[in-house]
Amino acid sequence: MDRFDTRAGSGVAWRMLRDLFTPESVSLSLDGASKDDVLLALVGLLGLDERASSSLHRMLRRRESHGSTGVGRGVAIPHARSLAVDRVRLAYGRHDEGVPYDAIDARPVRHLFLIVAPPVELSSQYLPVLGKVAQFVKEPDVIDRLGRLTQPQEFFALLEEKHQ
């Protein structure tokens, strides 16, 4: 299936959140003992070259210095605009023990959804994608189900089931 809607006049647009993830961008065993460690691990899931990864990691740390992206319920949605990517990219990582993240509810973060977009994008996907991820994690059963996943394919099946 084509990942993007490229019909004439529509611009390049995502159909569903699942279209913006790849199997390689999903980790059910994210490593790291700190916020900085897990951000670096998330960036690694995007498969960028070393220079782009380093630049994106710095951008995410800078974004976190302005306020934590830990939204509560064990979830963080780190996000940034960066020249490291040429289109919206997403990654999901689960950290089984949870890491200190300065989240709004002061709880450790176990589920991280990384959103990265280029500085300028004609299709304006960045904020709608951020909103869809926030909506997805607010569903009552999603956090528990994310915690029980055993394979990345189950992550995609959950997104599909929730029409995301």
C-alpha atoms as a PDB file:
ATOM      1  CA  MET A   1       0.000   0.000   0.000  1.00  0.00           C
ATOM      2  CA  ASP A   2       1.203   3.478  -0.823  1.00  0.00           C
ATOM      3  CA  ARG A   3       2.124   5.283   2.411  1.00  0.00           C
ATOM      4  CA  PHE A   4       0.945   8.692   1.252  1.00  0.00           C
ATOM      5  CA  ASP A   5      -2.051  10.080  -0.587  1.00  0.00           C
ATOM      6  CA  THR A   6      -0.592  11.608  -3.739  1.00  0.00           C
ATOM      7  CA  ARG A   7      -3.782  12.137  -5.737  1.00  0.00           C
ATOM      8  CA  ALA A   8      -3.764  15.205  -7.944  1.00  0.00           C
ATOM      9  CA  GLY A   9      -4.586  18.292  -5.956  1.00  0.00           C
ATOM     10  CA  SER A  10      -4.237  16.628  -2.573  1.00  0.00           C
ATOM     11  CA  GLY A  11      -0.533  17.229  -2.029  1.00  0.00           C
ATOM     12  CA  VAL A  12       1.402  14.600  -0.120  1.00  0.00           C
ATOM     13  CA  ALA A  13      -0.701  13.703   2.893  1.00  0.00           C
ATOM     14  CA  TRP A  14      -0.926  10.823   5.315  1.00  0.00           C
ATOM     15  CA  ARG A  15      -4.083   8.804   5.498  1.00  0.00           C
ATOM     16  CA  MET A  16      -3.645   7.195   8.904  1.00  0.00           C
ATOM     17  CA  LEU A  17      -1.016   7.299  11.638  1.00  0.00           C
ATOM     18  CA  ARG A  18       0.022   3.741  10.804  1.00  0.00           C
ATOM     19  CA  ASP A  19       1.087   5.005   7.362  1.00  0.00           C
ATOM     20  CA  LEU A  20       3.772   7.159   8.977  1.00  0.00           C
ATOM     21  CA  PHE A  21       5.436   4.341  10.937  1.00  0.00           C
ATOM     22  CA  THR A  22       7.663   1.603   9.544  1.00  0.00           C
ATOM     23  CA  PRO A  23       8.420  -1.711  11.250  1.00  0.00           C
ATOM     24  CA  GLU A  24      11.954  -0.417  11.874  1.00  0.00           C
ATOM     25  CA  SER A  25      10.614   2.673  13.649  1.00  0.00           C
ATOM     26  CA  VAL A  26       8.879   0.621  16.355  1.00  0.00           C
ATOM     27  CA  SER A  27      10.749  -0.761  19.377  1.00  0.00           C
ATOM     28  CA  LEU A  28       9.103  -2.670  22.207  1.00  0.00           C
ATOM     29  CA  SER A  29      12.332  -2.712  24.227  1.00  0.00           C
ATOM     30  CA  LEU A  30      13.737   0.804  24.188  1.00  0.00           C
ATOM     31  CA  ASP A  31      17.031   1.169  26.065  1.00  0.00           C
ATOM     32  CA  GLY A  32      18.161   4.024  28.263  1.00  0.00           C
ATOM     33  CA  ALA A  33      18.217   5.158  31.863  1.00  0.00           C
ATOM     34  CA  SER A  34      17.403   8.836  31.286  1.00  0.00           C
ATOM     35  CA  LYS A  35      15.303  11.116  29.120  1.00  0.00           C
ATOM     36  CA  ASP A  36      18.357  11.930  27.035  1.00  0.00           C
ATOM     37  CA  ASP A  37      19.133   8.218  26.539  1.00  0.00           C
ATOM     38  CA  VAL A  38      15.631   7.354  25.340  1.00  0.00           C
ATOM     39  CA  LEU A  39      15.518  10.362  23.018  1.00  0.00           C
ATOM     40  CA  LEU A  40      18.755   9.149  21.427  1.00  0.00           C
ATOM     41  CA  ALA A  41      17.333   5.621  21.120  1.00  0.00           C
ATOM     42  CA  LEU A  42      14.138   6.967  19.505  1.00  0.00           C
ATOM     43  CA  VAL A  43      16.134   8.974  16.975  1.00  0.00           C
ATOM     44  CA  GLY A  44      18.037   5.770  16.184  1.00  0.00           C
ATOM     45  CA  LEU A  45      14.768   4.112  15.152  1.00  0.00           C
ATOM     46  CA  LEU A  46      14.459   6.525  12.222  1.00  0.00           C
ATOM     47  CA  GLY A  47      17.587   5.151  10.525  1.00  0.00           C
ATOM     48  CA  LEU A  48      19.117   8.551   9.807  1.00  0.00           C
ATOM     49  CA  ASP A  49      22.814   9.060   9.151  1.00  0.00           C
ATOM     50  CA  GLU A  50      25.055  10.035  12.068  1.00  0.00           C
ATOM     51  CA  ARG A  51      25.083  13.753  11.329  1.00  0.00           C
ATOM     52  CA  ALA A  52      21.300  13.984  10.927  1.00  0.00           C
ATOM     53  CA  SER A  53      20.756  11.871  14.056  1.00  0.00           C
ATOM     54  CA  SER A  54      23.044  14.093  16.103  1.00  0.00           C
ATOM     55  CA  SER A  55      21.342  17.238  14.846  1.00  0.00           C
ATOM     56  CA  LEU A  56      17.872  15.866  15.557  1.00  0.00           C
ATOM     57  CA  HIS A  57      18.884  14.707  19.032  1.00  0.00           C
ATOM     58  CA  ARG A  58      20.155  18.213  19.858  1.00  0.00           C
ATOM     59  CA  MET A  59      16.902  19.710  18.553  1.00  0.00           C
ATOM     60  CA  LEU A  60      14.815  17.366  20.713  1.00  0.00           C
ATOM     61  CA  ARG A  61      16.885  18.142  23.809  1.00  0.00           C
ATOM     62  CA  ARG A  62      16.434  21.846  23.127  1.00  0.00           C
ATOM     63  CA  ARG A  63      12.669  21.328  22.743  1.00  0.00           C
ATOM     64  CA  GLU A  64      12.537  19.435  26.056  1.00  0.00           C
ATOM     65  CA  SER A  65      14.423  22.270  27.804  1.00  0.00           C
ATOM     66  CA  HIS A  66      11.430  24.526  27.055  1.00  0.00           C
ATOM     67  CA  GLY A  67       8.990  22.106  28.667  1.00  0.00           C
ATOM     68  CA  SER A  68       8.599  18.371  28.963  1.00  0.00           C
ATOM     69  CA  THR A  69       6.650  16.519  26.310  1.00  0.00           C
ATOM     70  CA  GLY A  70       5.599  13.993  28.963  1.00  0.00           C
ATOM     71  CA  VAL A  71       1.813  14.231  28.714  1.00  0.00           C
ATOM     72  CA  GLY A  72       0.930  11.916  31.605  1.00  0.00           C
ATOM     73  CA  ARG A  73      -0.256   8.318  31.945  1.00  0.00           C
ATOM     74  CA  GLY A  74       3.313   7.129  31.234  1.00  0.00           C
ATOM     75  CA  VAL A  75       3.360   8.752  27.776  1.00  0.00           C
ATOM     76  CA  ALA A  76       5.666  11.281  26.142  1.00  0.00           C
ATOM     77  CA  ILE A  77       5.330  12.748  22.663  1.00  0.00           C
ATOM     78  CA  PRO A  78       8.685  14.334  21.867  1.00  0.00           C
ATOM     79  CA  HIS A  79       8.402  16.369  18.701  1.00  0.00           C
ATOM     80  CA  ALA A  80      10.401  18.848  16.673  1.00  0.00           C
ATOM     81  CA  ARG A  81      10.913  20.367  13.286  1.00  0.00           C
ATOM     82  CA  SER A  82      14.315  19.575  11.843  1.00  0.00           C
ATOM     83  CA  LEU A  83      16.315  19.653   8.618  1.00  0.00           C
ATOM     84  CA  ALA A  84      17.261  16.043   9.446  1.00  0.00           C
ATOM     85  CA  VAL A  85      14.098  14.845   7.683  1.00  0.00           C
ATOM     86  CA  ASP A  86      12.416  15.715   4.392  1.00  0.00           C
ATOM     87  CA  ARG A  87       8.934  14.525   5.421  1.00  0.00           C
ATOM     88  CA  VAL A  88       7.034  13.780   8.629  1.00  0.00           C
ATOM     89  CA  ARG A  89       8.576  10.781  10.399  1.00  0.00           C
ATOM     90  CA  LEU A  90       7.267   8.887  13.435  1.00  0.00           C
ATOM     91  CA  ALA A  91       8.753   6.354  15.828  1.00  0.00           C
ATOM     92  CA  TYR A  92       7.330   4.503  18.818  1.00  0.00           C
ATOM     93  CA  GLY A  93       9.373   3.102  21.666  1.00  0.00           C
ATOM     94  CA  ARG A  94       8.328   1.275  24.808  1.00  0.00           C
ATOM     95  CA  HIS A  95      10.585   1.322  27.845  1.00  0.00           C
ATOM     96  CA  ASP A  96       9.522  -1.481  30.167  1.00  0.00           C
ATOM     97  CA  GLU A  97      10.677   0.062  33.456  1.00  0.00           C
ATOM     98  CA  GLY A  98       9.906   3.647  32.560  1.00  0.00           C
ATOM     99  CA  VAL A  99      12.302   6.582  32.757  1.00  0.00           C
ATOM    100  CA  PRO A 100      12.179   9.844  34.694  1.00  0.00           C
ATOM    101  CA  TYR A 101      10.881  12.393  32.199  1.00  0.00           C
ATOM    102  CA  ASP A 102       9.513  15.394  34.112  1.00  0.00           C
ATOM    103  CA  ALA A 103       6.058  14.464  32.842  1.00  0.00           C
ATOM    104  CA  ILE A 104       3.054  16.564  33.767  1.00  0.00           C
ATOM    105  CA  ASP A 105       1.920  13.907  36.279  1.00  0.00           C
ATOM    106  CA  ALA A 106       5.489  13.278  37.561  1.00  0.00           C
ATOM    107  CA  ARG A 107       5.236   9.578  36.648  1.00  0.00           C
ATOM    108  CA  PRO A 108       7.954   7.712  34.713  1.00  0.00           C
ATOM    109  CA  VAL A 109       7.424   7.460  30.975  1.00  0.00           C
ATOM    110  CA  ARG A 110       7.094   4.038  29.336  1.00  0.00           C
ATOM    111  CA  HIS A 111       5.584   4.924  25.953  1.00  0.00           C
ATOM    112  CA  LEU A 112       7.265   7.421  23.640  1.00  0.00           C
ATOM    113  CA  PHE A 113       5.933   8.637  20.305  1.00  0.00           C
ATOM    114  CA  LEU A 114       8.516  10.639  18.361  1.00  0.00           C
ATOM    115  CA  ILE A 115       7.257  13.071  15.714  1.00  0.00           C
ATOM    116  CA  VAL A 116       9.704  14.885  13.451  1.00  0.00           C
ATOM    117  CA  ALA A 117       8.853  17.141  10.527  1.00  0.00           C
ATOM    118  CA  PRO A 118      10.895  19.331   8.206  1.00  0.00           C
ATOM    119  CA  PRO A 119      10.976  23.066   9.025  1.00  0.00           C
ATOM    120  CA  VAL A 120       8.738  23.832   6.053  1.00  0.00           C
ATOM    121  CA  GLU A 121       6.158  21.415   4.705  1.00  0.00           C
ATOM    122  CA  LEU A 122       3.586  22.346   2.129  1.00  0.00           C
ATOM    123  CA  SER A 123       1.094  19.761   3.341  1.00  0.00           C
ATOM    124  CA  SER A 124       1.065  21.006   6.975  1.00  0.00           C
ATOM    125  CA  GLN A 125       0.981  17.543   8.540  1.00  0.00           C
ATOM    126  CA  TYR A 126       2.939  18.224  11.737  1.00  0.00           C
ATOM    127  CA  LEU A 127       0.209  19.560  14.042  1.00  0.00           C
ATOM    128  CA  PRO A 128      -2.542  17.214  12.819  1.00  0.00           C
ATOM    129  CA  VAL A 129      -0.222  14.234  13.381  1.00  0.00           C
ATOM    130  CA  LEU A 130       0.601  15.480  16.881  1.00  0.00           C
ATOM    131  CA  GLY A 131      -3.132  15.787  17.570  1.00  0.00           C
ATOM    132  CA  LYS A 132      -3.863  12.278  16.272  1.00  0.00           C
ATOM    133  CA  VAL A 133      -1.150  10.749  18.472  1.00  0.00           C
ATOM    134  CA  ALA A 134      -2.502  12.623  21.506  1.00  0.00           C
ATOM    135  CA  GLN A 135      -6.019  11.422  20.683  1.00  0.00           C
ATOM    136  CA  PHE A 136      -4.814   7.822  20.279  1.00  0.00           C
ATOM    137  CA  VAL A 137      -3.076   7.676  23.682  1.00  0.00           C
ATOM    138  CA  LYS A 138      -6.119   9.167  25.431  1.00  0.00           C
ATOM    139  CA  GLU A 139      -8.284   6.178  24.508  1.00  0.00           C
ATOM    140  CA  PRO A 140      -9.003   4.276  27.742  1.00  0.00           C
ATOM    141  CA  ASP A 141      -7.521   0.885  26.775  1.00  0.00           C
ATOM    142  CA  VAL A 142      -4.573   1.971  24.611  1.00  0.00           C
ATOM    143  CA  ILE A 143      -1.907   2.398  27.308  1.00  0.00           C
ATOM    144  CA  ASP A 144      -2.598  -1.029  28.799  1.00  0.00           C
ATOM    145  CA  ARG A 145      -2.603  -2.642  25.369  1.00  0.00           C
ATOM    146  CA  LEU A 146       0.655  -0.945  24.360  1.00  0.00           C
ATOM    147  CA  GLY A 147       2.201  -2.428  27.504  1.00  0.00           C
ATOM    148  CA  ARG A 148       1.188  -5.950  26.477  1.00  0.00           C
ATOM    149  CA  LEU A 149       2.481  -5.877  22.892  1.00  0.00           C
ATOM    150  CA  THR A 150       4.977  -8.630  22.070  1.00  0.00           C
ATOM    151  CA  GLN A 151       5.700  -7.872  18.399  1.00  0.00           C
ATOM    152  CA  PRO A 152       5.769  -4.688  16.307  1.00  0.00           C
ATOM    153  CA  GLN A 153       3.041  -6.129  14.058  1.00  0.00           C
ATOM    154  CA  GLU A 154       0.682  -5.940  17.048  1.00  0.00           C
ATOM    155  CA  PHE A 155       1.376  -2.203  17.261  1.00  0.00           C
ATOM    156  CA  PHE A 156       0.214  -1.789  13.663  1.00  0.00           C
ATOM    157  CA  ALA A 157      -2.837  -3.972  14.343  1.00  0.00           C
ATOM    158  CA  LEU A 158      -3.759  -1.751  17.321  1.00  0.00           C
ATOM    159  CA  LEU A 159      -3.454   1.379  15.174  1.00  0.00           C
ATOM    160  CA  GLU A 160      -5.620  -0.297  12.530  1.00  0.00           C
ATOM    161  CA  GLU A 161      -8.240  -1.359  15.073  1.00  0.00           C
ATOM    162  CA  LYS A 162      -8.428   2.173  16.472  1.00  0.00           C
ATOM    163  CA  HIS A 163      -8.682   3.610  12.933  1.00  0.00           C
ATOM    164  CA  GLN A 164      -5.432   5.455  13.410  1.00  0.00           C
END
